[in-house]
Amino acid sequence: MKKISIEDFCHDFYDNNIFDPTIGGVYYGSVLLQHIIEKVELISNNVDKRKIIDELIALQIELLGLFCTHKFISGEIVIRQNFFTKNYLIENGKTEIWNSMYDYNDIIDIATLDWLTALGKVNIVFNHNMRKDLVAKNIEDIKNLGLADDGVVKRINKRIWSENAWRQKFMLNSLARTFWSHLGLELNKLDEETISFLSALPNRLYKEAQQHLNKVKIKN
């Protein structure tokens, strides 16, 4: 198994699988785009294809960060992945992608808090304290690495302790609604059939990121 840094993995993943697929390759989101425009008439008739692709990219990169958090929990690899991602997007003129990711990141945090609340009194204290301790550890690790960006730090910590919320599908509908809203469409026009279809997108994008990251060994 190839051993690389998280920065090299992200650079390759963003360059060759998202923004500029290698010769003979195709961005996975382009495949999803075809399904979307075939299945959802409101999107195909009212939203530019480039806008749909950009929104899929924002969602996918946020979900890569989510899987990275689930795989490595917290600490240096998770931190470096997020700082690299912001720098990469800004340096490549993709600031709008970074900005679009914010709302998806917020949904992850809200869904995690909803999951914690649903645990009941017996388990909520333990899990809340675990999340609090991991957040504190991240802040300390970021300081030790000599990094500083409050916006990035907040995004990192909003994904902490979210794996069970993800597995139990606490966030899929909300991520789908946010995707719909980001396309400039009115939420009151989002029917049950469409929300069910769109709710499958985050899971597909998460698995795509998971498959790529699991092919390599990340160096500490």
C-alpha atoms as a PDB file:
ATOM      1  CA  MET A   1       0.000   0.000   0.000  1.00  0.00           C
ATOM      2  CA  LYS A   2       1.367   3.400  -1.014  1.00  0.00           C
ATOM      3  CA  LYS A   3       2.455   5.592   1.914  1.00  0.00           C
ATOM      4  CA  ILE A   4       1.961   9.355   1.452  1.00  0.00           C
ATOM      5  CA  SER A   5       1.221  12.497   3.425  1.00  0.00           C
ATOM      6  CA  ILE A   6      -2.360  13.714   3.773  1.00  0.00           C
ATOM      7  CA  GLU A   7      -1.382  16.811   1.788  1.00  0.00           C
ATOM      8  CA  ASP A   8      -0.112  14.724  -1.132  1.00  0.00           C
ATOM      9  CA  PHE A   9      -3.232  12.581  -1.028  1.00  0.00           C
ATOM     10  CA  CYS A  10      -5.527  15.617  -1.100  1.00  0.00           C
ATOM     11  CA  HIS A  11      -3.524  17.306  -3.843  1.00  0.00           C
ATOM     12  CA  ASP A  12      -3.756  14.219  -6.027  1.00  0.00           C
ATOM     13  CA  PHE A  13      -7.429  13.621  -5.209  1.00  0.00           C
ATOM     14  CA  TYR A  14      -8.434  17.209  -5.938  1.00  0.00           C
ATOM     15  CA  ASP A  15      -6.282  17.525  -9.068  1.00  0.00           C
ATOM     16  CA  ASN A  16      -6.879  14.168 -10.699  1.00  0.00           C
ATOM     17  CA  ASN A  17     -10.309  13.092  -9.469  1.00  0.00           C
ATOM     18  CA  ILE A  18     -12.238  16.332  -9.071  1.00  0.00           C
ATOM     19  CA  PHE A  19     -10.968  19.420 -10.857  1.00  0.00           C
ATOM     20  CA  ASP A  20      -8.965  17.911 -13.718  1.00  0.00           C
ATOM     21  CA  PRO A  21      -9.655  14.180 -14.132  1.00  0.00           C
ATOM     22  CA  THR A  22      -6.769  12.319 -15.704  1.00  0.00           C
ATOM     23  CA  ILE A  23      -6.960  11.330 -19.366  1.00  0.00           C
ATOM     24  CA  GLY A  24      -9.621   8.692 -19.793  1.00  0.00           C
ATOM     25  CA  GLY A  25     -11.071   9.475 -16.398  1.00  0.00           C
ATOM     26  CA  VAL A  26     -14.212  11.300 -15.406  1.00  0.00           C
ATOM     27  CA  TYR A  27     -15.178  13.187 -12.266  1.00  0.00           C
ATOM     28  CA  TYR A  28     -17.566  11.024 -10.259  1.00  0.00           C
ATOM     29  CA  GLY A  29     -19.823  14.039  -9.777  1.00  0.00           C
ATOM     30  CA  SER A  30     -20.335  14.179 -13.549  1.00  0.00           C
ATOM     31  CA  VAL A  31     -21.903  10.725 -13.341  1.00  0.00           C
ATOM     32  CA  LEU A  32     -24.151  11.906 -10.514  1.00  0.00           C
ATOM     33  CA  LEU A  33     -24.985  15.031 -12.518  1.00  0.00           C
ATOM     34  CA  GLN A  34     -26.518  12.900 -15.255  1.00  0.00           C
ATOM     35  CA  HIS A  35     -28.669  11.061 -12.710  1.00  0.00           C
ATOM     36  CA  ILE A  36     -29.764  14.359 -11.172  1.00  0.00           C
ATOM     37  CA  ILE A  37     -30.824  16.038 -14.405  1.00  0.00           C
ATOM     38  CA  GLU A  38     -32.611  12.866 -15.524  1.00  0.00           C
ATOM     39  CA  LYS A  39     -34.473  12.441 -12.230  1.00  0.00           C
ATOM     40  CA  VAL A  40     -35.167  16.000 -11.051  1.00  0.00           C
ATOM     41  CA  GLU A  41     -36.910  18.199 -13.590  1.00  0.00           C
ATOM     42  CA  LEU A  42     -36.775  21.354 -11.479  1.00  0.00           C
ATOM     43  CA  ILE A  43     -32.984  21.124 -11.373  1.00  0.00           C
ATOM     44  CA  SER A  44     -32.508  20.216 -15.049  1.00  0.00           C
ATOM     45  CA  ASN A  45     -34.782  23.070 -16.162  1.00  0.00           C
ATOM     46  CA  ASN A  46     -33.571  25.797 -13.813  1.00  0.00           C
ATOM     47  CA  VAL A  47     -29.945  25.205 -12.796  1.00  0.00           C
ATOM     48  CA  ASP A  48     -26.801  25.521 -14.903  1.00  0.00           C
ATOM     49  CA  LYS A  49     -24.784  22.292 -15.091  1.00  0.00           C
ATOM     50  CA  ARG A  50     -21.610  24.058 -13.943  1.00  0.00           C
ATOM     51  CA  LYS A  51     -23.424  25.225 -10.812  1.00  0.00           C
ATOM     52  CA  ILE A  52     -24.553  21.675 -10.049  1.00  0.00           C
ATOM     53  CA  ILE A  53     -21.013  20.324 -10.494  1.00  0.00           C
ATOM     54  CA  ASP A  54     -19.536  23.046  -8.268  1.00  0.00           C
ATOM     55  CA  GLU A  55     -22.064  22.233  -5.558  1.00  0.00           C
ATOM     56  CA  LEU A  56     -21.327  18.515  -5.797  1.00  0.00           C
ATOM     57  CA  ILE A  57     -17.623  19.337  -5.456  1.00  0.00           C
ATOM     58  CA  ALA A  58     -18.256  21.452  -2.340  1.00  0.00           C
ATOM     59  CA  LEU A  59     -20.306  18.647  -0.814  1.00  0.00           C
ATOM     60  CA  GLN A  60     -17.753  15.990  -1.736  1.00  0.00           C
ATOM     61  CA  ILE A  61     -14.784  17.882  -0.301  1.00  0.00           C
ATOM     62  CA  GLU A  62     -16.712  18.484   2.924  1.00  0.00           C
ATOM     63  CA  LEU A  63     -17.513  14.771   3.081  1.00  0.00           C
ATOM     64  CA  LEU A  64     -13.864  13.896   2.474  1.00  0.00           C
ATOM     65  CA  GLY A  65     -13.109  15.997   5.559  1.00  0.00           C
ATOM     66  CA  LEU A  66     -15.862  14.147   7.395  1.00  0.00           C
ATOM     67  CA  PHE A  67     -14.504  10.707   6.479  1.00  0.00           C
ATOM     68  CA  CYS A  68     -10.992  11.834   7.360  1.00  0.00           C
ATOM     69  CA  THR A  69     -12.327  12.793  10.803  1.00  0.00           C
ATOM     70  CA  HIS A  70     -14.073   9.446  11.150  1.00  0.00           C
ATOM     71  CA  LYS A  71     -10.934   7.557  10.135  1.00  0.00           C
ATOM     72  CA  PHE A  72      -8.373   9.479  12.205  1.00  0.00           C
ATOM     73  CA  ILE A  73     -10.706  10.913  14.933  1.00  0.00           C
ATOM     74  CA  SER A  74      -8.654  14.043  15.621  1.00  0.00           C
ATOM     75  CA  GLY A  75      -5.066  15.231  15.720  1.00  0.00           C
ATOM     76  CA  GLU A  76      -2.406  16.205  13.208  1.00  0.00           C
ATOM     77  CA  ILE A  77      -3.659  14.384  10.096  1.00  0.00           C
ATOM     78  CA  VAL A  78      -7.175  15.780  10.432  1.00  0.00           C
ATOM     79  CA  ILE A  79      -5.810  19.260  11.103  1.00  0.00           C
ATOM     80  CA  ARG A  80      -3.388  19.236   8.172  1.00  0.00           C
ATOM     81  CA  GLN A  81      -6.075  17.951   5.808  1.00  0.00           C
ATOM     82  CA  ASN A  82      -8.306  20.922   6.578  1.00  0.00           C
ATOM     83  CA  PHE A  83      -5.622  23.599   6.430  1.00  0.00           C
ATOM     84  CA  PHE A  84      -4.309  22.167   3.155  1.00  0.00           C
ATOM     85  CA  THR A  85      -7.809  22.058   1.660  1.00  0.00           C
ATOM     86  CA  LYS A  86      -8.512  25.712   2.374  1.00  0.00           C
ATOM     87  CA  ASN A  87      -5.144  26.804   1.005  1.00  0.00           C
ATOM     88  CA  TYR A  88      -5.527  24.617  -2.103  1.00  0.00           C
ATOM     89  CA  LEU A  89      -8.966  25.979  -2.936  1.00  0.00           C
ATOM     90  CA  ILE A  90      -8.007  29.611  -2.433  1.00  0.00           C
ATOM     91  CA  GLU A  91      -4.724  29.291  -4.346  1.00  0.00           C
ATOM     92  CA  ASN A  92      -6.579  27.667  -7.264  1.00  0.00           C
ATOM     93  CA  GLY A  93      -9.285  30.320  -7.437  1.00  0.00           C
ATOM     94  CA  LYS A  94     -11.931  28.083  -5.874  1.00  0.00           C
ATOM     95  CA  THR A  95     -12.851  30.233  -2.886  1.00  0.00           C
ATOM     96  CA  GLU A  96     -16.552  29.829  -3.726  1.00  0.00           C
ATOM     97  CA  ILE A  97     -16.177  26.075  -3.156  1.00  0.00           C
ATOM     98  CA  TRP A  98     -14.692  26.683   0.294  1.00  0.00           C
ATOM     99  CA  ASN A  99     -17.525  29.092   1.090  1.00  0.00           C
ATOM    100  CA  SER A 100     -20.196  26.635  -0.087  1.00  0.00           C
ATOM    101  CA  MET A 101     -18.756  23.971   2.194  1.00  0.00           C
ATOM    102  CA  TYR A 102     -19.586  26.070   5.271  1.00  0.00           C
ATOM    103  CA  ASP A 103     -23.301  25.246   5.364  1.00  0.00           C
ATOM    104  CA  TYR A 104     -22.669  21.518   4.920  1.00  0.00           C
ATOM    105  CA  ASN A 105     -20.171  21.674   7.768  1.00  0.00           C
ATOM    106  CA  ASP A 106     -22.779  23.412   9.920  1.00  0.00           C
ATOM    107  CA  ILE A 107     -25.333  20.670   9.157  1.00  0.00           C
ATOM    108  CA  ILE A 108     -22.847  18.030  10.340  1.00  0.00           C
ATOM    109  CA  ASP A 109     -22.462  19.848  13.643  1.00  0.00           C
ATOM    110  CA  ILE A 110     -26.225  20.275  14.129  1.00  0.00           C
ATOM    111  CA  ALA A 111     -26.909  16.626  13.270  1.00  0.00           C
ATOM    112  CA  THR A 112     -24.228  15.497  15.728  1.00  0.00           C
ATOM    113  CA  LEU A 113     -25.814  17.584  18.471  1.00  0.00           C
ATOM    114  CA  ASP A 114     -29.233  16.119  17.569  1.00  0.00           C
ATOM    115  CA  TRP A 115     -27.763  12.626  17.870  1.00  0.00           C
ATOM    116  CA  LEU A 116     -26.263  13.484  21.252  1.00  0.00           C
ATOM    117  CA  THR A 117     -29.620  14.812  22.449  1.00  0.00           C
ATOM    118  CA  ALA A 118     -31.373  11.629  21.317  1.00  0.00           C
ATOM    119  CA  LEU A 119     -29.093   9.482  23.478  1.00  0.00           C
ATOM    120  CA  GLY A 120     -30.895  10.376  26.662  1.00  0.00           C
ATOM    121  CA  LYS A 121     -29.464  11.312  30.046  1.00  0.00           C
ATOM    122  CA  VAL A 122     -27.454   8.135  30.606  1.00  0.00           C
ATOM    123  CA  ASN A 123     -25.229   8.424  27.539  1.00  0.00           C
ATOM    124  CA  ILE A 124     -25.316  12.099  26.642  1.00  0.00           C
ATOM    125  CA  VAL A 125     -22.879  13.203  29.360  1.00  0.00           C
ATOM    126  CA  PHE A 126     -20.199  10.681  28.381  1.00  0.00           C
ATOM    127  CA  ASN A 127     -20.450  11.433  24.665  1.00  0.00           C
ATOM    128  CA  HIS A 128     -20.645  15.192  25.181  1.00  0.00           C
ATOM    129  CA  ASN A 129     -17.509  15.063  27.327  1.00  0.00           C
ATOM    130  CA  MET A 130     -15.689  12.925  24.759  1.00  0.00           C
ATOM    131  CA  ARG A 131     -16.474  15.470  22.065  1.00  0.00           C
ATOM    132  CA  LYS A 132     -15.454  18.336  24.317  1.00  0.00           C
ATOM    133  CA  ASP A 133     -12.116  16.647  25.110  1.00  0.00           C
ATOM    134  CA  LEU A 134     -11.372  15.986  21.422  1.00  0.00           C
ATOM    135  CA  VAL A 135     -12.167  19.594  20.541  1.00  0.00           C
ATOM    136  CA  ALA A 136      -9.764  20.763  23.258  1.00  0.00           C
ATOM    137  CA  LYS A 137      -7.093  18.360  21.967  1.00  0.00           C
ATOM    138  CA  ASN A 138      -7.471  19.690  18.435  1.00  0.00           C
ATOM    139  CA  ILE A 139      -7.081  23.263  19.610  1.00  0.00           C
ATOM    140  CA  GLU A 140      -3.919  22.322  21.503  1.00  0.00           C
ATOM    141  CA  ASP A 141      -2.523  20.344  18.546  1.00  0.00           C
ATOM    142  CA  ILE A 142      -3.211  23.235  16.154  1.00  0.00           C
ATOM    143  CA  LYS A 143      -1.340  25.569  18.485  1.00  0.00           C
ATOM    144  CA  ASN A 144       1.612  23.128  18.702  1.00  0.00           C
ATOM    145  CA  LEU A 145       1.752  22.891  14.912  1.00  0.00           C
ATOM    146  CA  GLY A 146       2.073  26.662  14.709  1.00  0.00           C
ATOM    147  CA  LEU A 147      -1.126  27.030  12.696  1.00  0.00           C
ATOM    148  CA  ALA A 148      -3.729  29.726  13.162  1.00  0.00           C
ATOM    149  CA  ASP A 149      -7.076  30.193  11.440  1.00  0.00           C
ATOM    150  CA  ASP A 150     -10.198  30.356  13.596  1.00  0.00           C
ATOM    151  CA  GLY A 151     -12.463  29.551  10.644  1.00  0.00           C
ATOM    152  CA  VAL A 152     -10.618  26.331   9.827  1.00  0.00           C
ATOM    153  CA  VAL A 153     -10.457  25.349  13.501  1.00  0.00           C
ATOM    154  CA  LYS A 154     -14.227  25.709  13.845  1.00  0.00           C
ATOM    155  CA  ARG A 155     -14.858  23.569  10.790  1.00  0.00           C
ATOM    156  CA  ILE A 156     -12.550  20.839  12.086  1.00  0.00           C
ATOM    157  CA  ASN A 157     -14.284  20.754  15.444  1.00  0.00           C
ATOM    158  CA  LYS A 158     -17.808  20.742  14.022  1.00  0.00           C
ATOM    159  CA  ARG A 159     -17.089  17.283  12.565  1.00  0.00           C
ATOM    160  CA  ILE A 160     -15.769  15.832  15.821  1.00  0.00           C
ATOM    161  CA  TRP A 161     -17.583  12.775  17.268  1.00  0.00           C
ATOM    162  CA  SER A 162     -20.005  12.703  14.324  1.00  0.00           C
ATOM    163  CA  GLU A 163     -19.524   9.129  13.119  1.00  0.00           C
ATOM    164  CA  ASN A 164     -22.568   7.649  14.837  1.00  0.00           C
ATOM    165  CA  ALA A 165     -24.741  10.557  13.688  1.00  0.00           C
ATOM    166  CA  TRP A 166     -23.555   9.815  10.146  1.00  0.00           C
ATOM    167  CA  ARG A 167     -24.083   6.058  10.426  1.00  0.00           C
ATOM    168  CA  GLN A 168     -27.568   6.549  11.832  1.00  0.00           C
ATOM    169  CA  LYS A 169     -28.415   8.942   8.964  1.00  0.00           C
ATOM    170  CA  PHE A 170     -29.091  11.977  11.132  1.00  0.00           C
ATOM    171  CA  MET A 171     -27.676  14.367   8.530  1.00  0.00           C
ATOM    172  CA  LEU A 172     -28.561  13.018   5.066  1.00  0.00           C
ATOM    173  CA  ASN A 173     -31.885  14.853   4.615  1.00  0.00           C
ATOM    174  CA  SER A 174     -30.471  18.135   5.879  1.00  0.00           C
ATOM    175  CA  LEU A 175     -27.432  17.874   3.600  1.00  0.00           C
ATOM    176  CA  ALA A 176     -29.782  17.218   0.667  1.00  0.00           C
ATOM    177  CA  ARG A 177     -31.947  20.224   1.564  1.00  0.00           C
ATOM    178  CA  THR A 178     -28.859  22.409   1.792  1.00  0.00           C
ATOM    179  CA  PHE A 179     -27.694  21.166  -1.623  1.00  0.00           C
ATOM    180  CA  TRP A 180     -31.110  22.054  -3.057  1.00  0.00           C
ATOM    181  CA  SER A 181     -31.076  25.483  -1.435  1.00  0.00           C
ATOM    182  CA  HIS A 182     -27.541  26.198  -2.695  1.00  0.00           C
ATOM    183  CA  LEU A 183     -28.781  25.557  -6.232  1.00  0.00           C
ATOM    184  CA  GLY A 184     -31.092  28.541  -5.759  1.00  0.00           C
ATOM    185  CA  LEU A 185     -34.277  26.482  -5.533  1.00  0.00           C
ATOM    186  CA  GLU A 186     -37.111  27.068  -3.057  1.00  0.00           C
ATOM    187  CA  LEU A 187     -37.431  24.529  -0.265  1.00  0.00           C
ATOM    188  CA  ASN A 188     -41.228  24.523  -0.531  1.00  0.00           C
ATOM    189  CA  LYS A 189     -40.856  22.976  -3.982  1.00  0.00           C
ATOM    190  CA  LEU A 190     -38.845  20.042  -2.653  1.00  0.00           C
ATOM    191  CA  ASP A 191     -41.170  17.011  -2.574  1.00  0.00           C
ATOM    192  CA  GLU A 192     -40.689  13.735  -0.704  1.00  0.00           C
ATOM    193  CA  GLU A 193     -39.613  11.768  -3.777  1.00  0.00           C
ATOM    194  CA  THR A 194     -36.940  14.319  -4.631  1.00  0.00           C
ATOM    195  CA  ILE A 195     -35.616  14.604  -1.057  1.00  0.00           C
ATOM    196  CA  SER A 196     -35.358  10.814  -0.936  1.00  0.00           C
ATOM    197  CA  PHE A 197     -33.350  10.799  -4.179  1.00  0.00           C
ATOM    198  CA  LEU A 198     -31.074  13.684  -3.171  1.00  0.00           C
ATOM    199  CA  SER A 199     -30.479  12.204   0.285  1.00  0.00           C
ATOM    200  CA  ALA A 200     -28.572   9.364  -1.380  1.00  0.00           C
ATOM    201  CA  LEU A 201     -26.018  11.777  -2.868  1.00  0.00           C
ATOM    202  CA  PRO A 202     -24.048  12.483   0.337  1.00  0.00           C
ATOM    203  CA  ASN A 203     -23.653   8.777   1.018  1.00  0.00           C
ATOM    204  CA  ARG A 204     -22.353   8.148  -2.513  1.00  0.00           C
ATOM    205  CA  LEU A 205     -19.875  11.034  -2.293  1.00  0.00           C
ATOM    206  CA  TYR A 206     -18.709   9.922   1.163  1.00  0.00           C
ATOM    207  CA  LYS A 207     -18.085   6.389  -0.117  1.00  0.00           C
ATOM    208  CA  GLU A 208     -16.175   7.726  -3.123  1.00  0.00           C
ATOM    209  CA  ALA A 209     -13.830   9.659  -0.821  1.00  0.00           C
ATOM    210  CA  GLN A 210     -13.598   6.649   1.496  1.00  0.00           C
ATOM    211  CA  GLN A 211     -12.557   4.318  -1.331  1.00  0.00           C
ATOM    212  CA  HIS A 212      -9.763   6.643  -2.450  1.00  0.00           C
ATOM    213  CA  LEU A 213      -8.407   7.334   1.037  1.00  0.00           C
ATOM    214  CA  ASN A 214      -8.464   3.655   1.955  1.00  0.00           C
ATOM    215  CA  LYS A 215      -6.194   2.844  -0.998  1.00  0.00           C
ATOM    216  CA  VAL A 216      -3.242   4.600   0.637  1.00  0.00           C
ATOM    217  CA  LYS A 217      -1.513   4.708   4.001  1.00  0.00           C
ATOM    218  CA  ILE A 218      -1.269   8.201   5.417  1.00  0.00           C
ATOM    219  CA  LYS A 219       2.020   9.118   7.082  1.00  0.00           C
ATOM    220  CA  ASN A 220       1.902  10.715  10.517  1.00  0.00           C
END
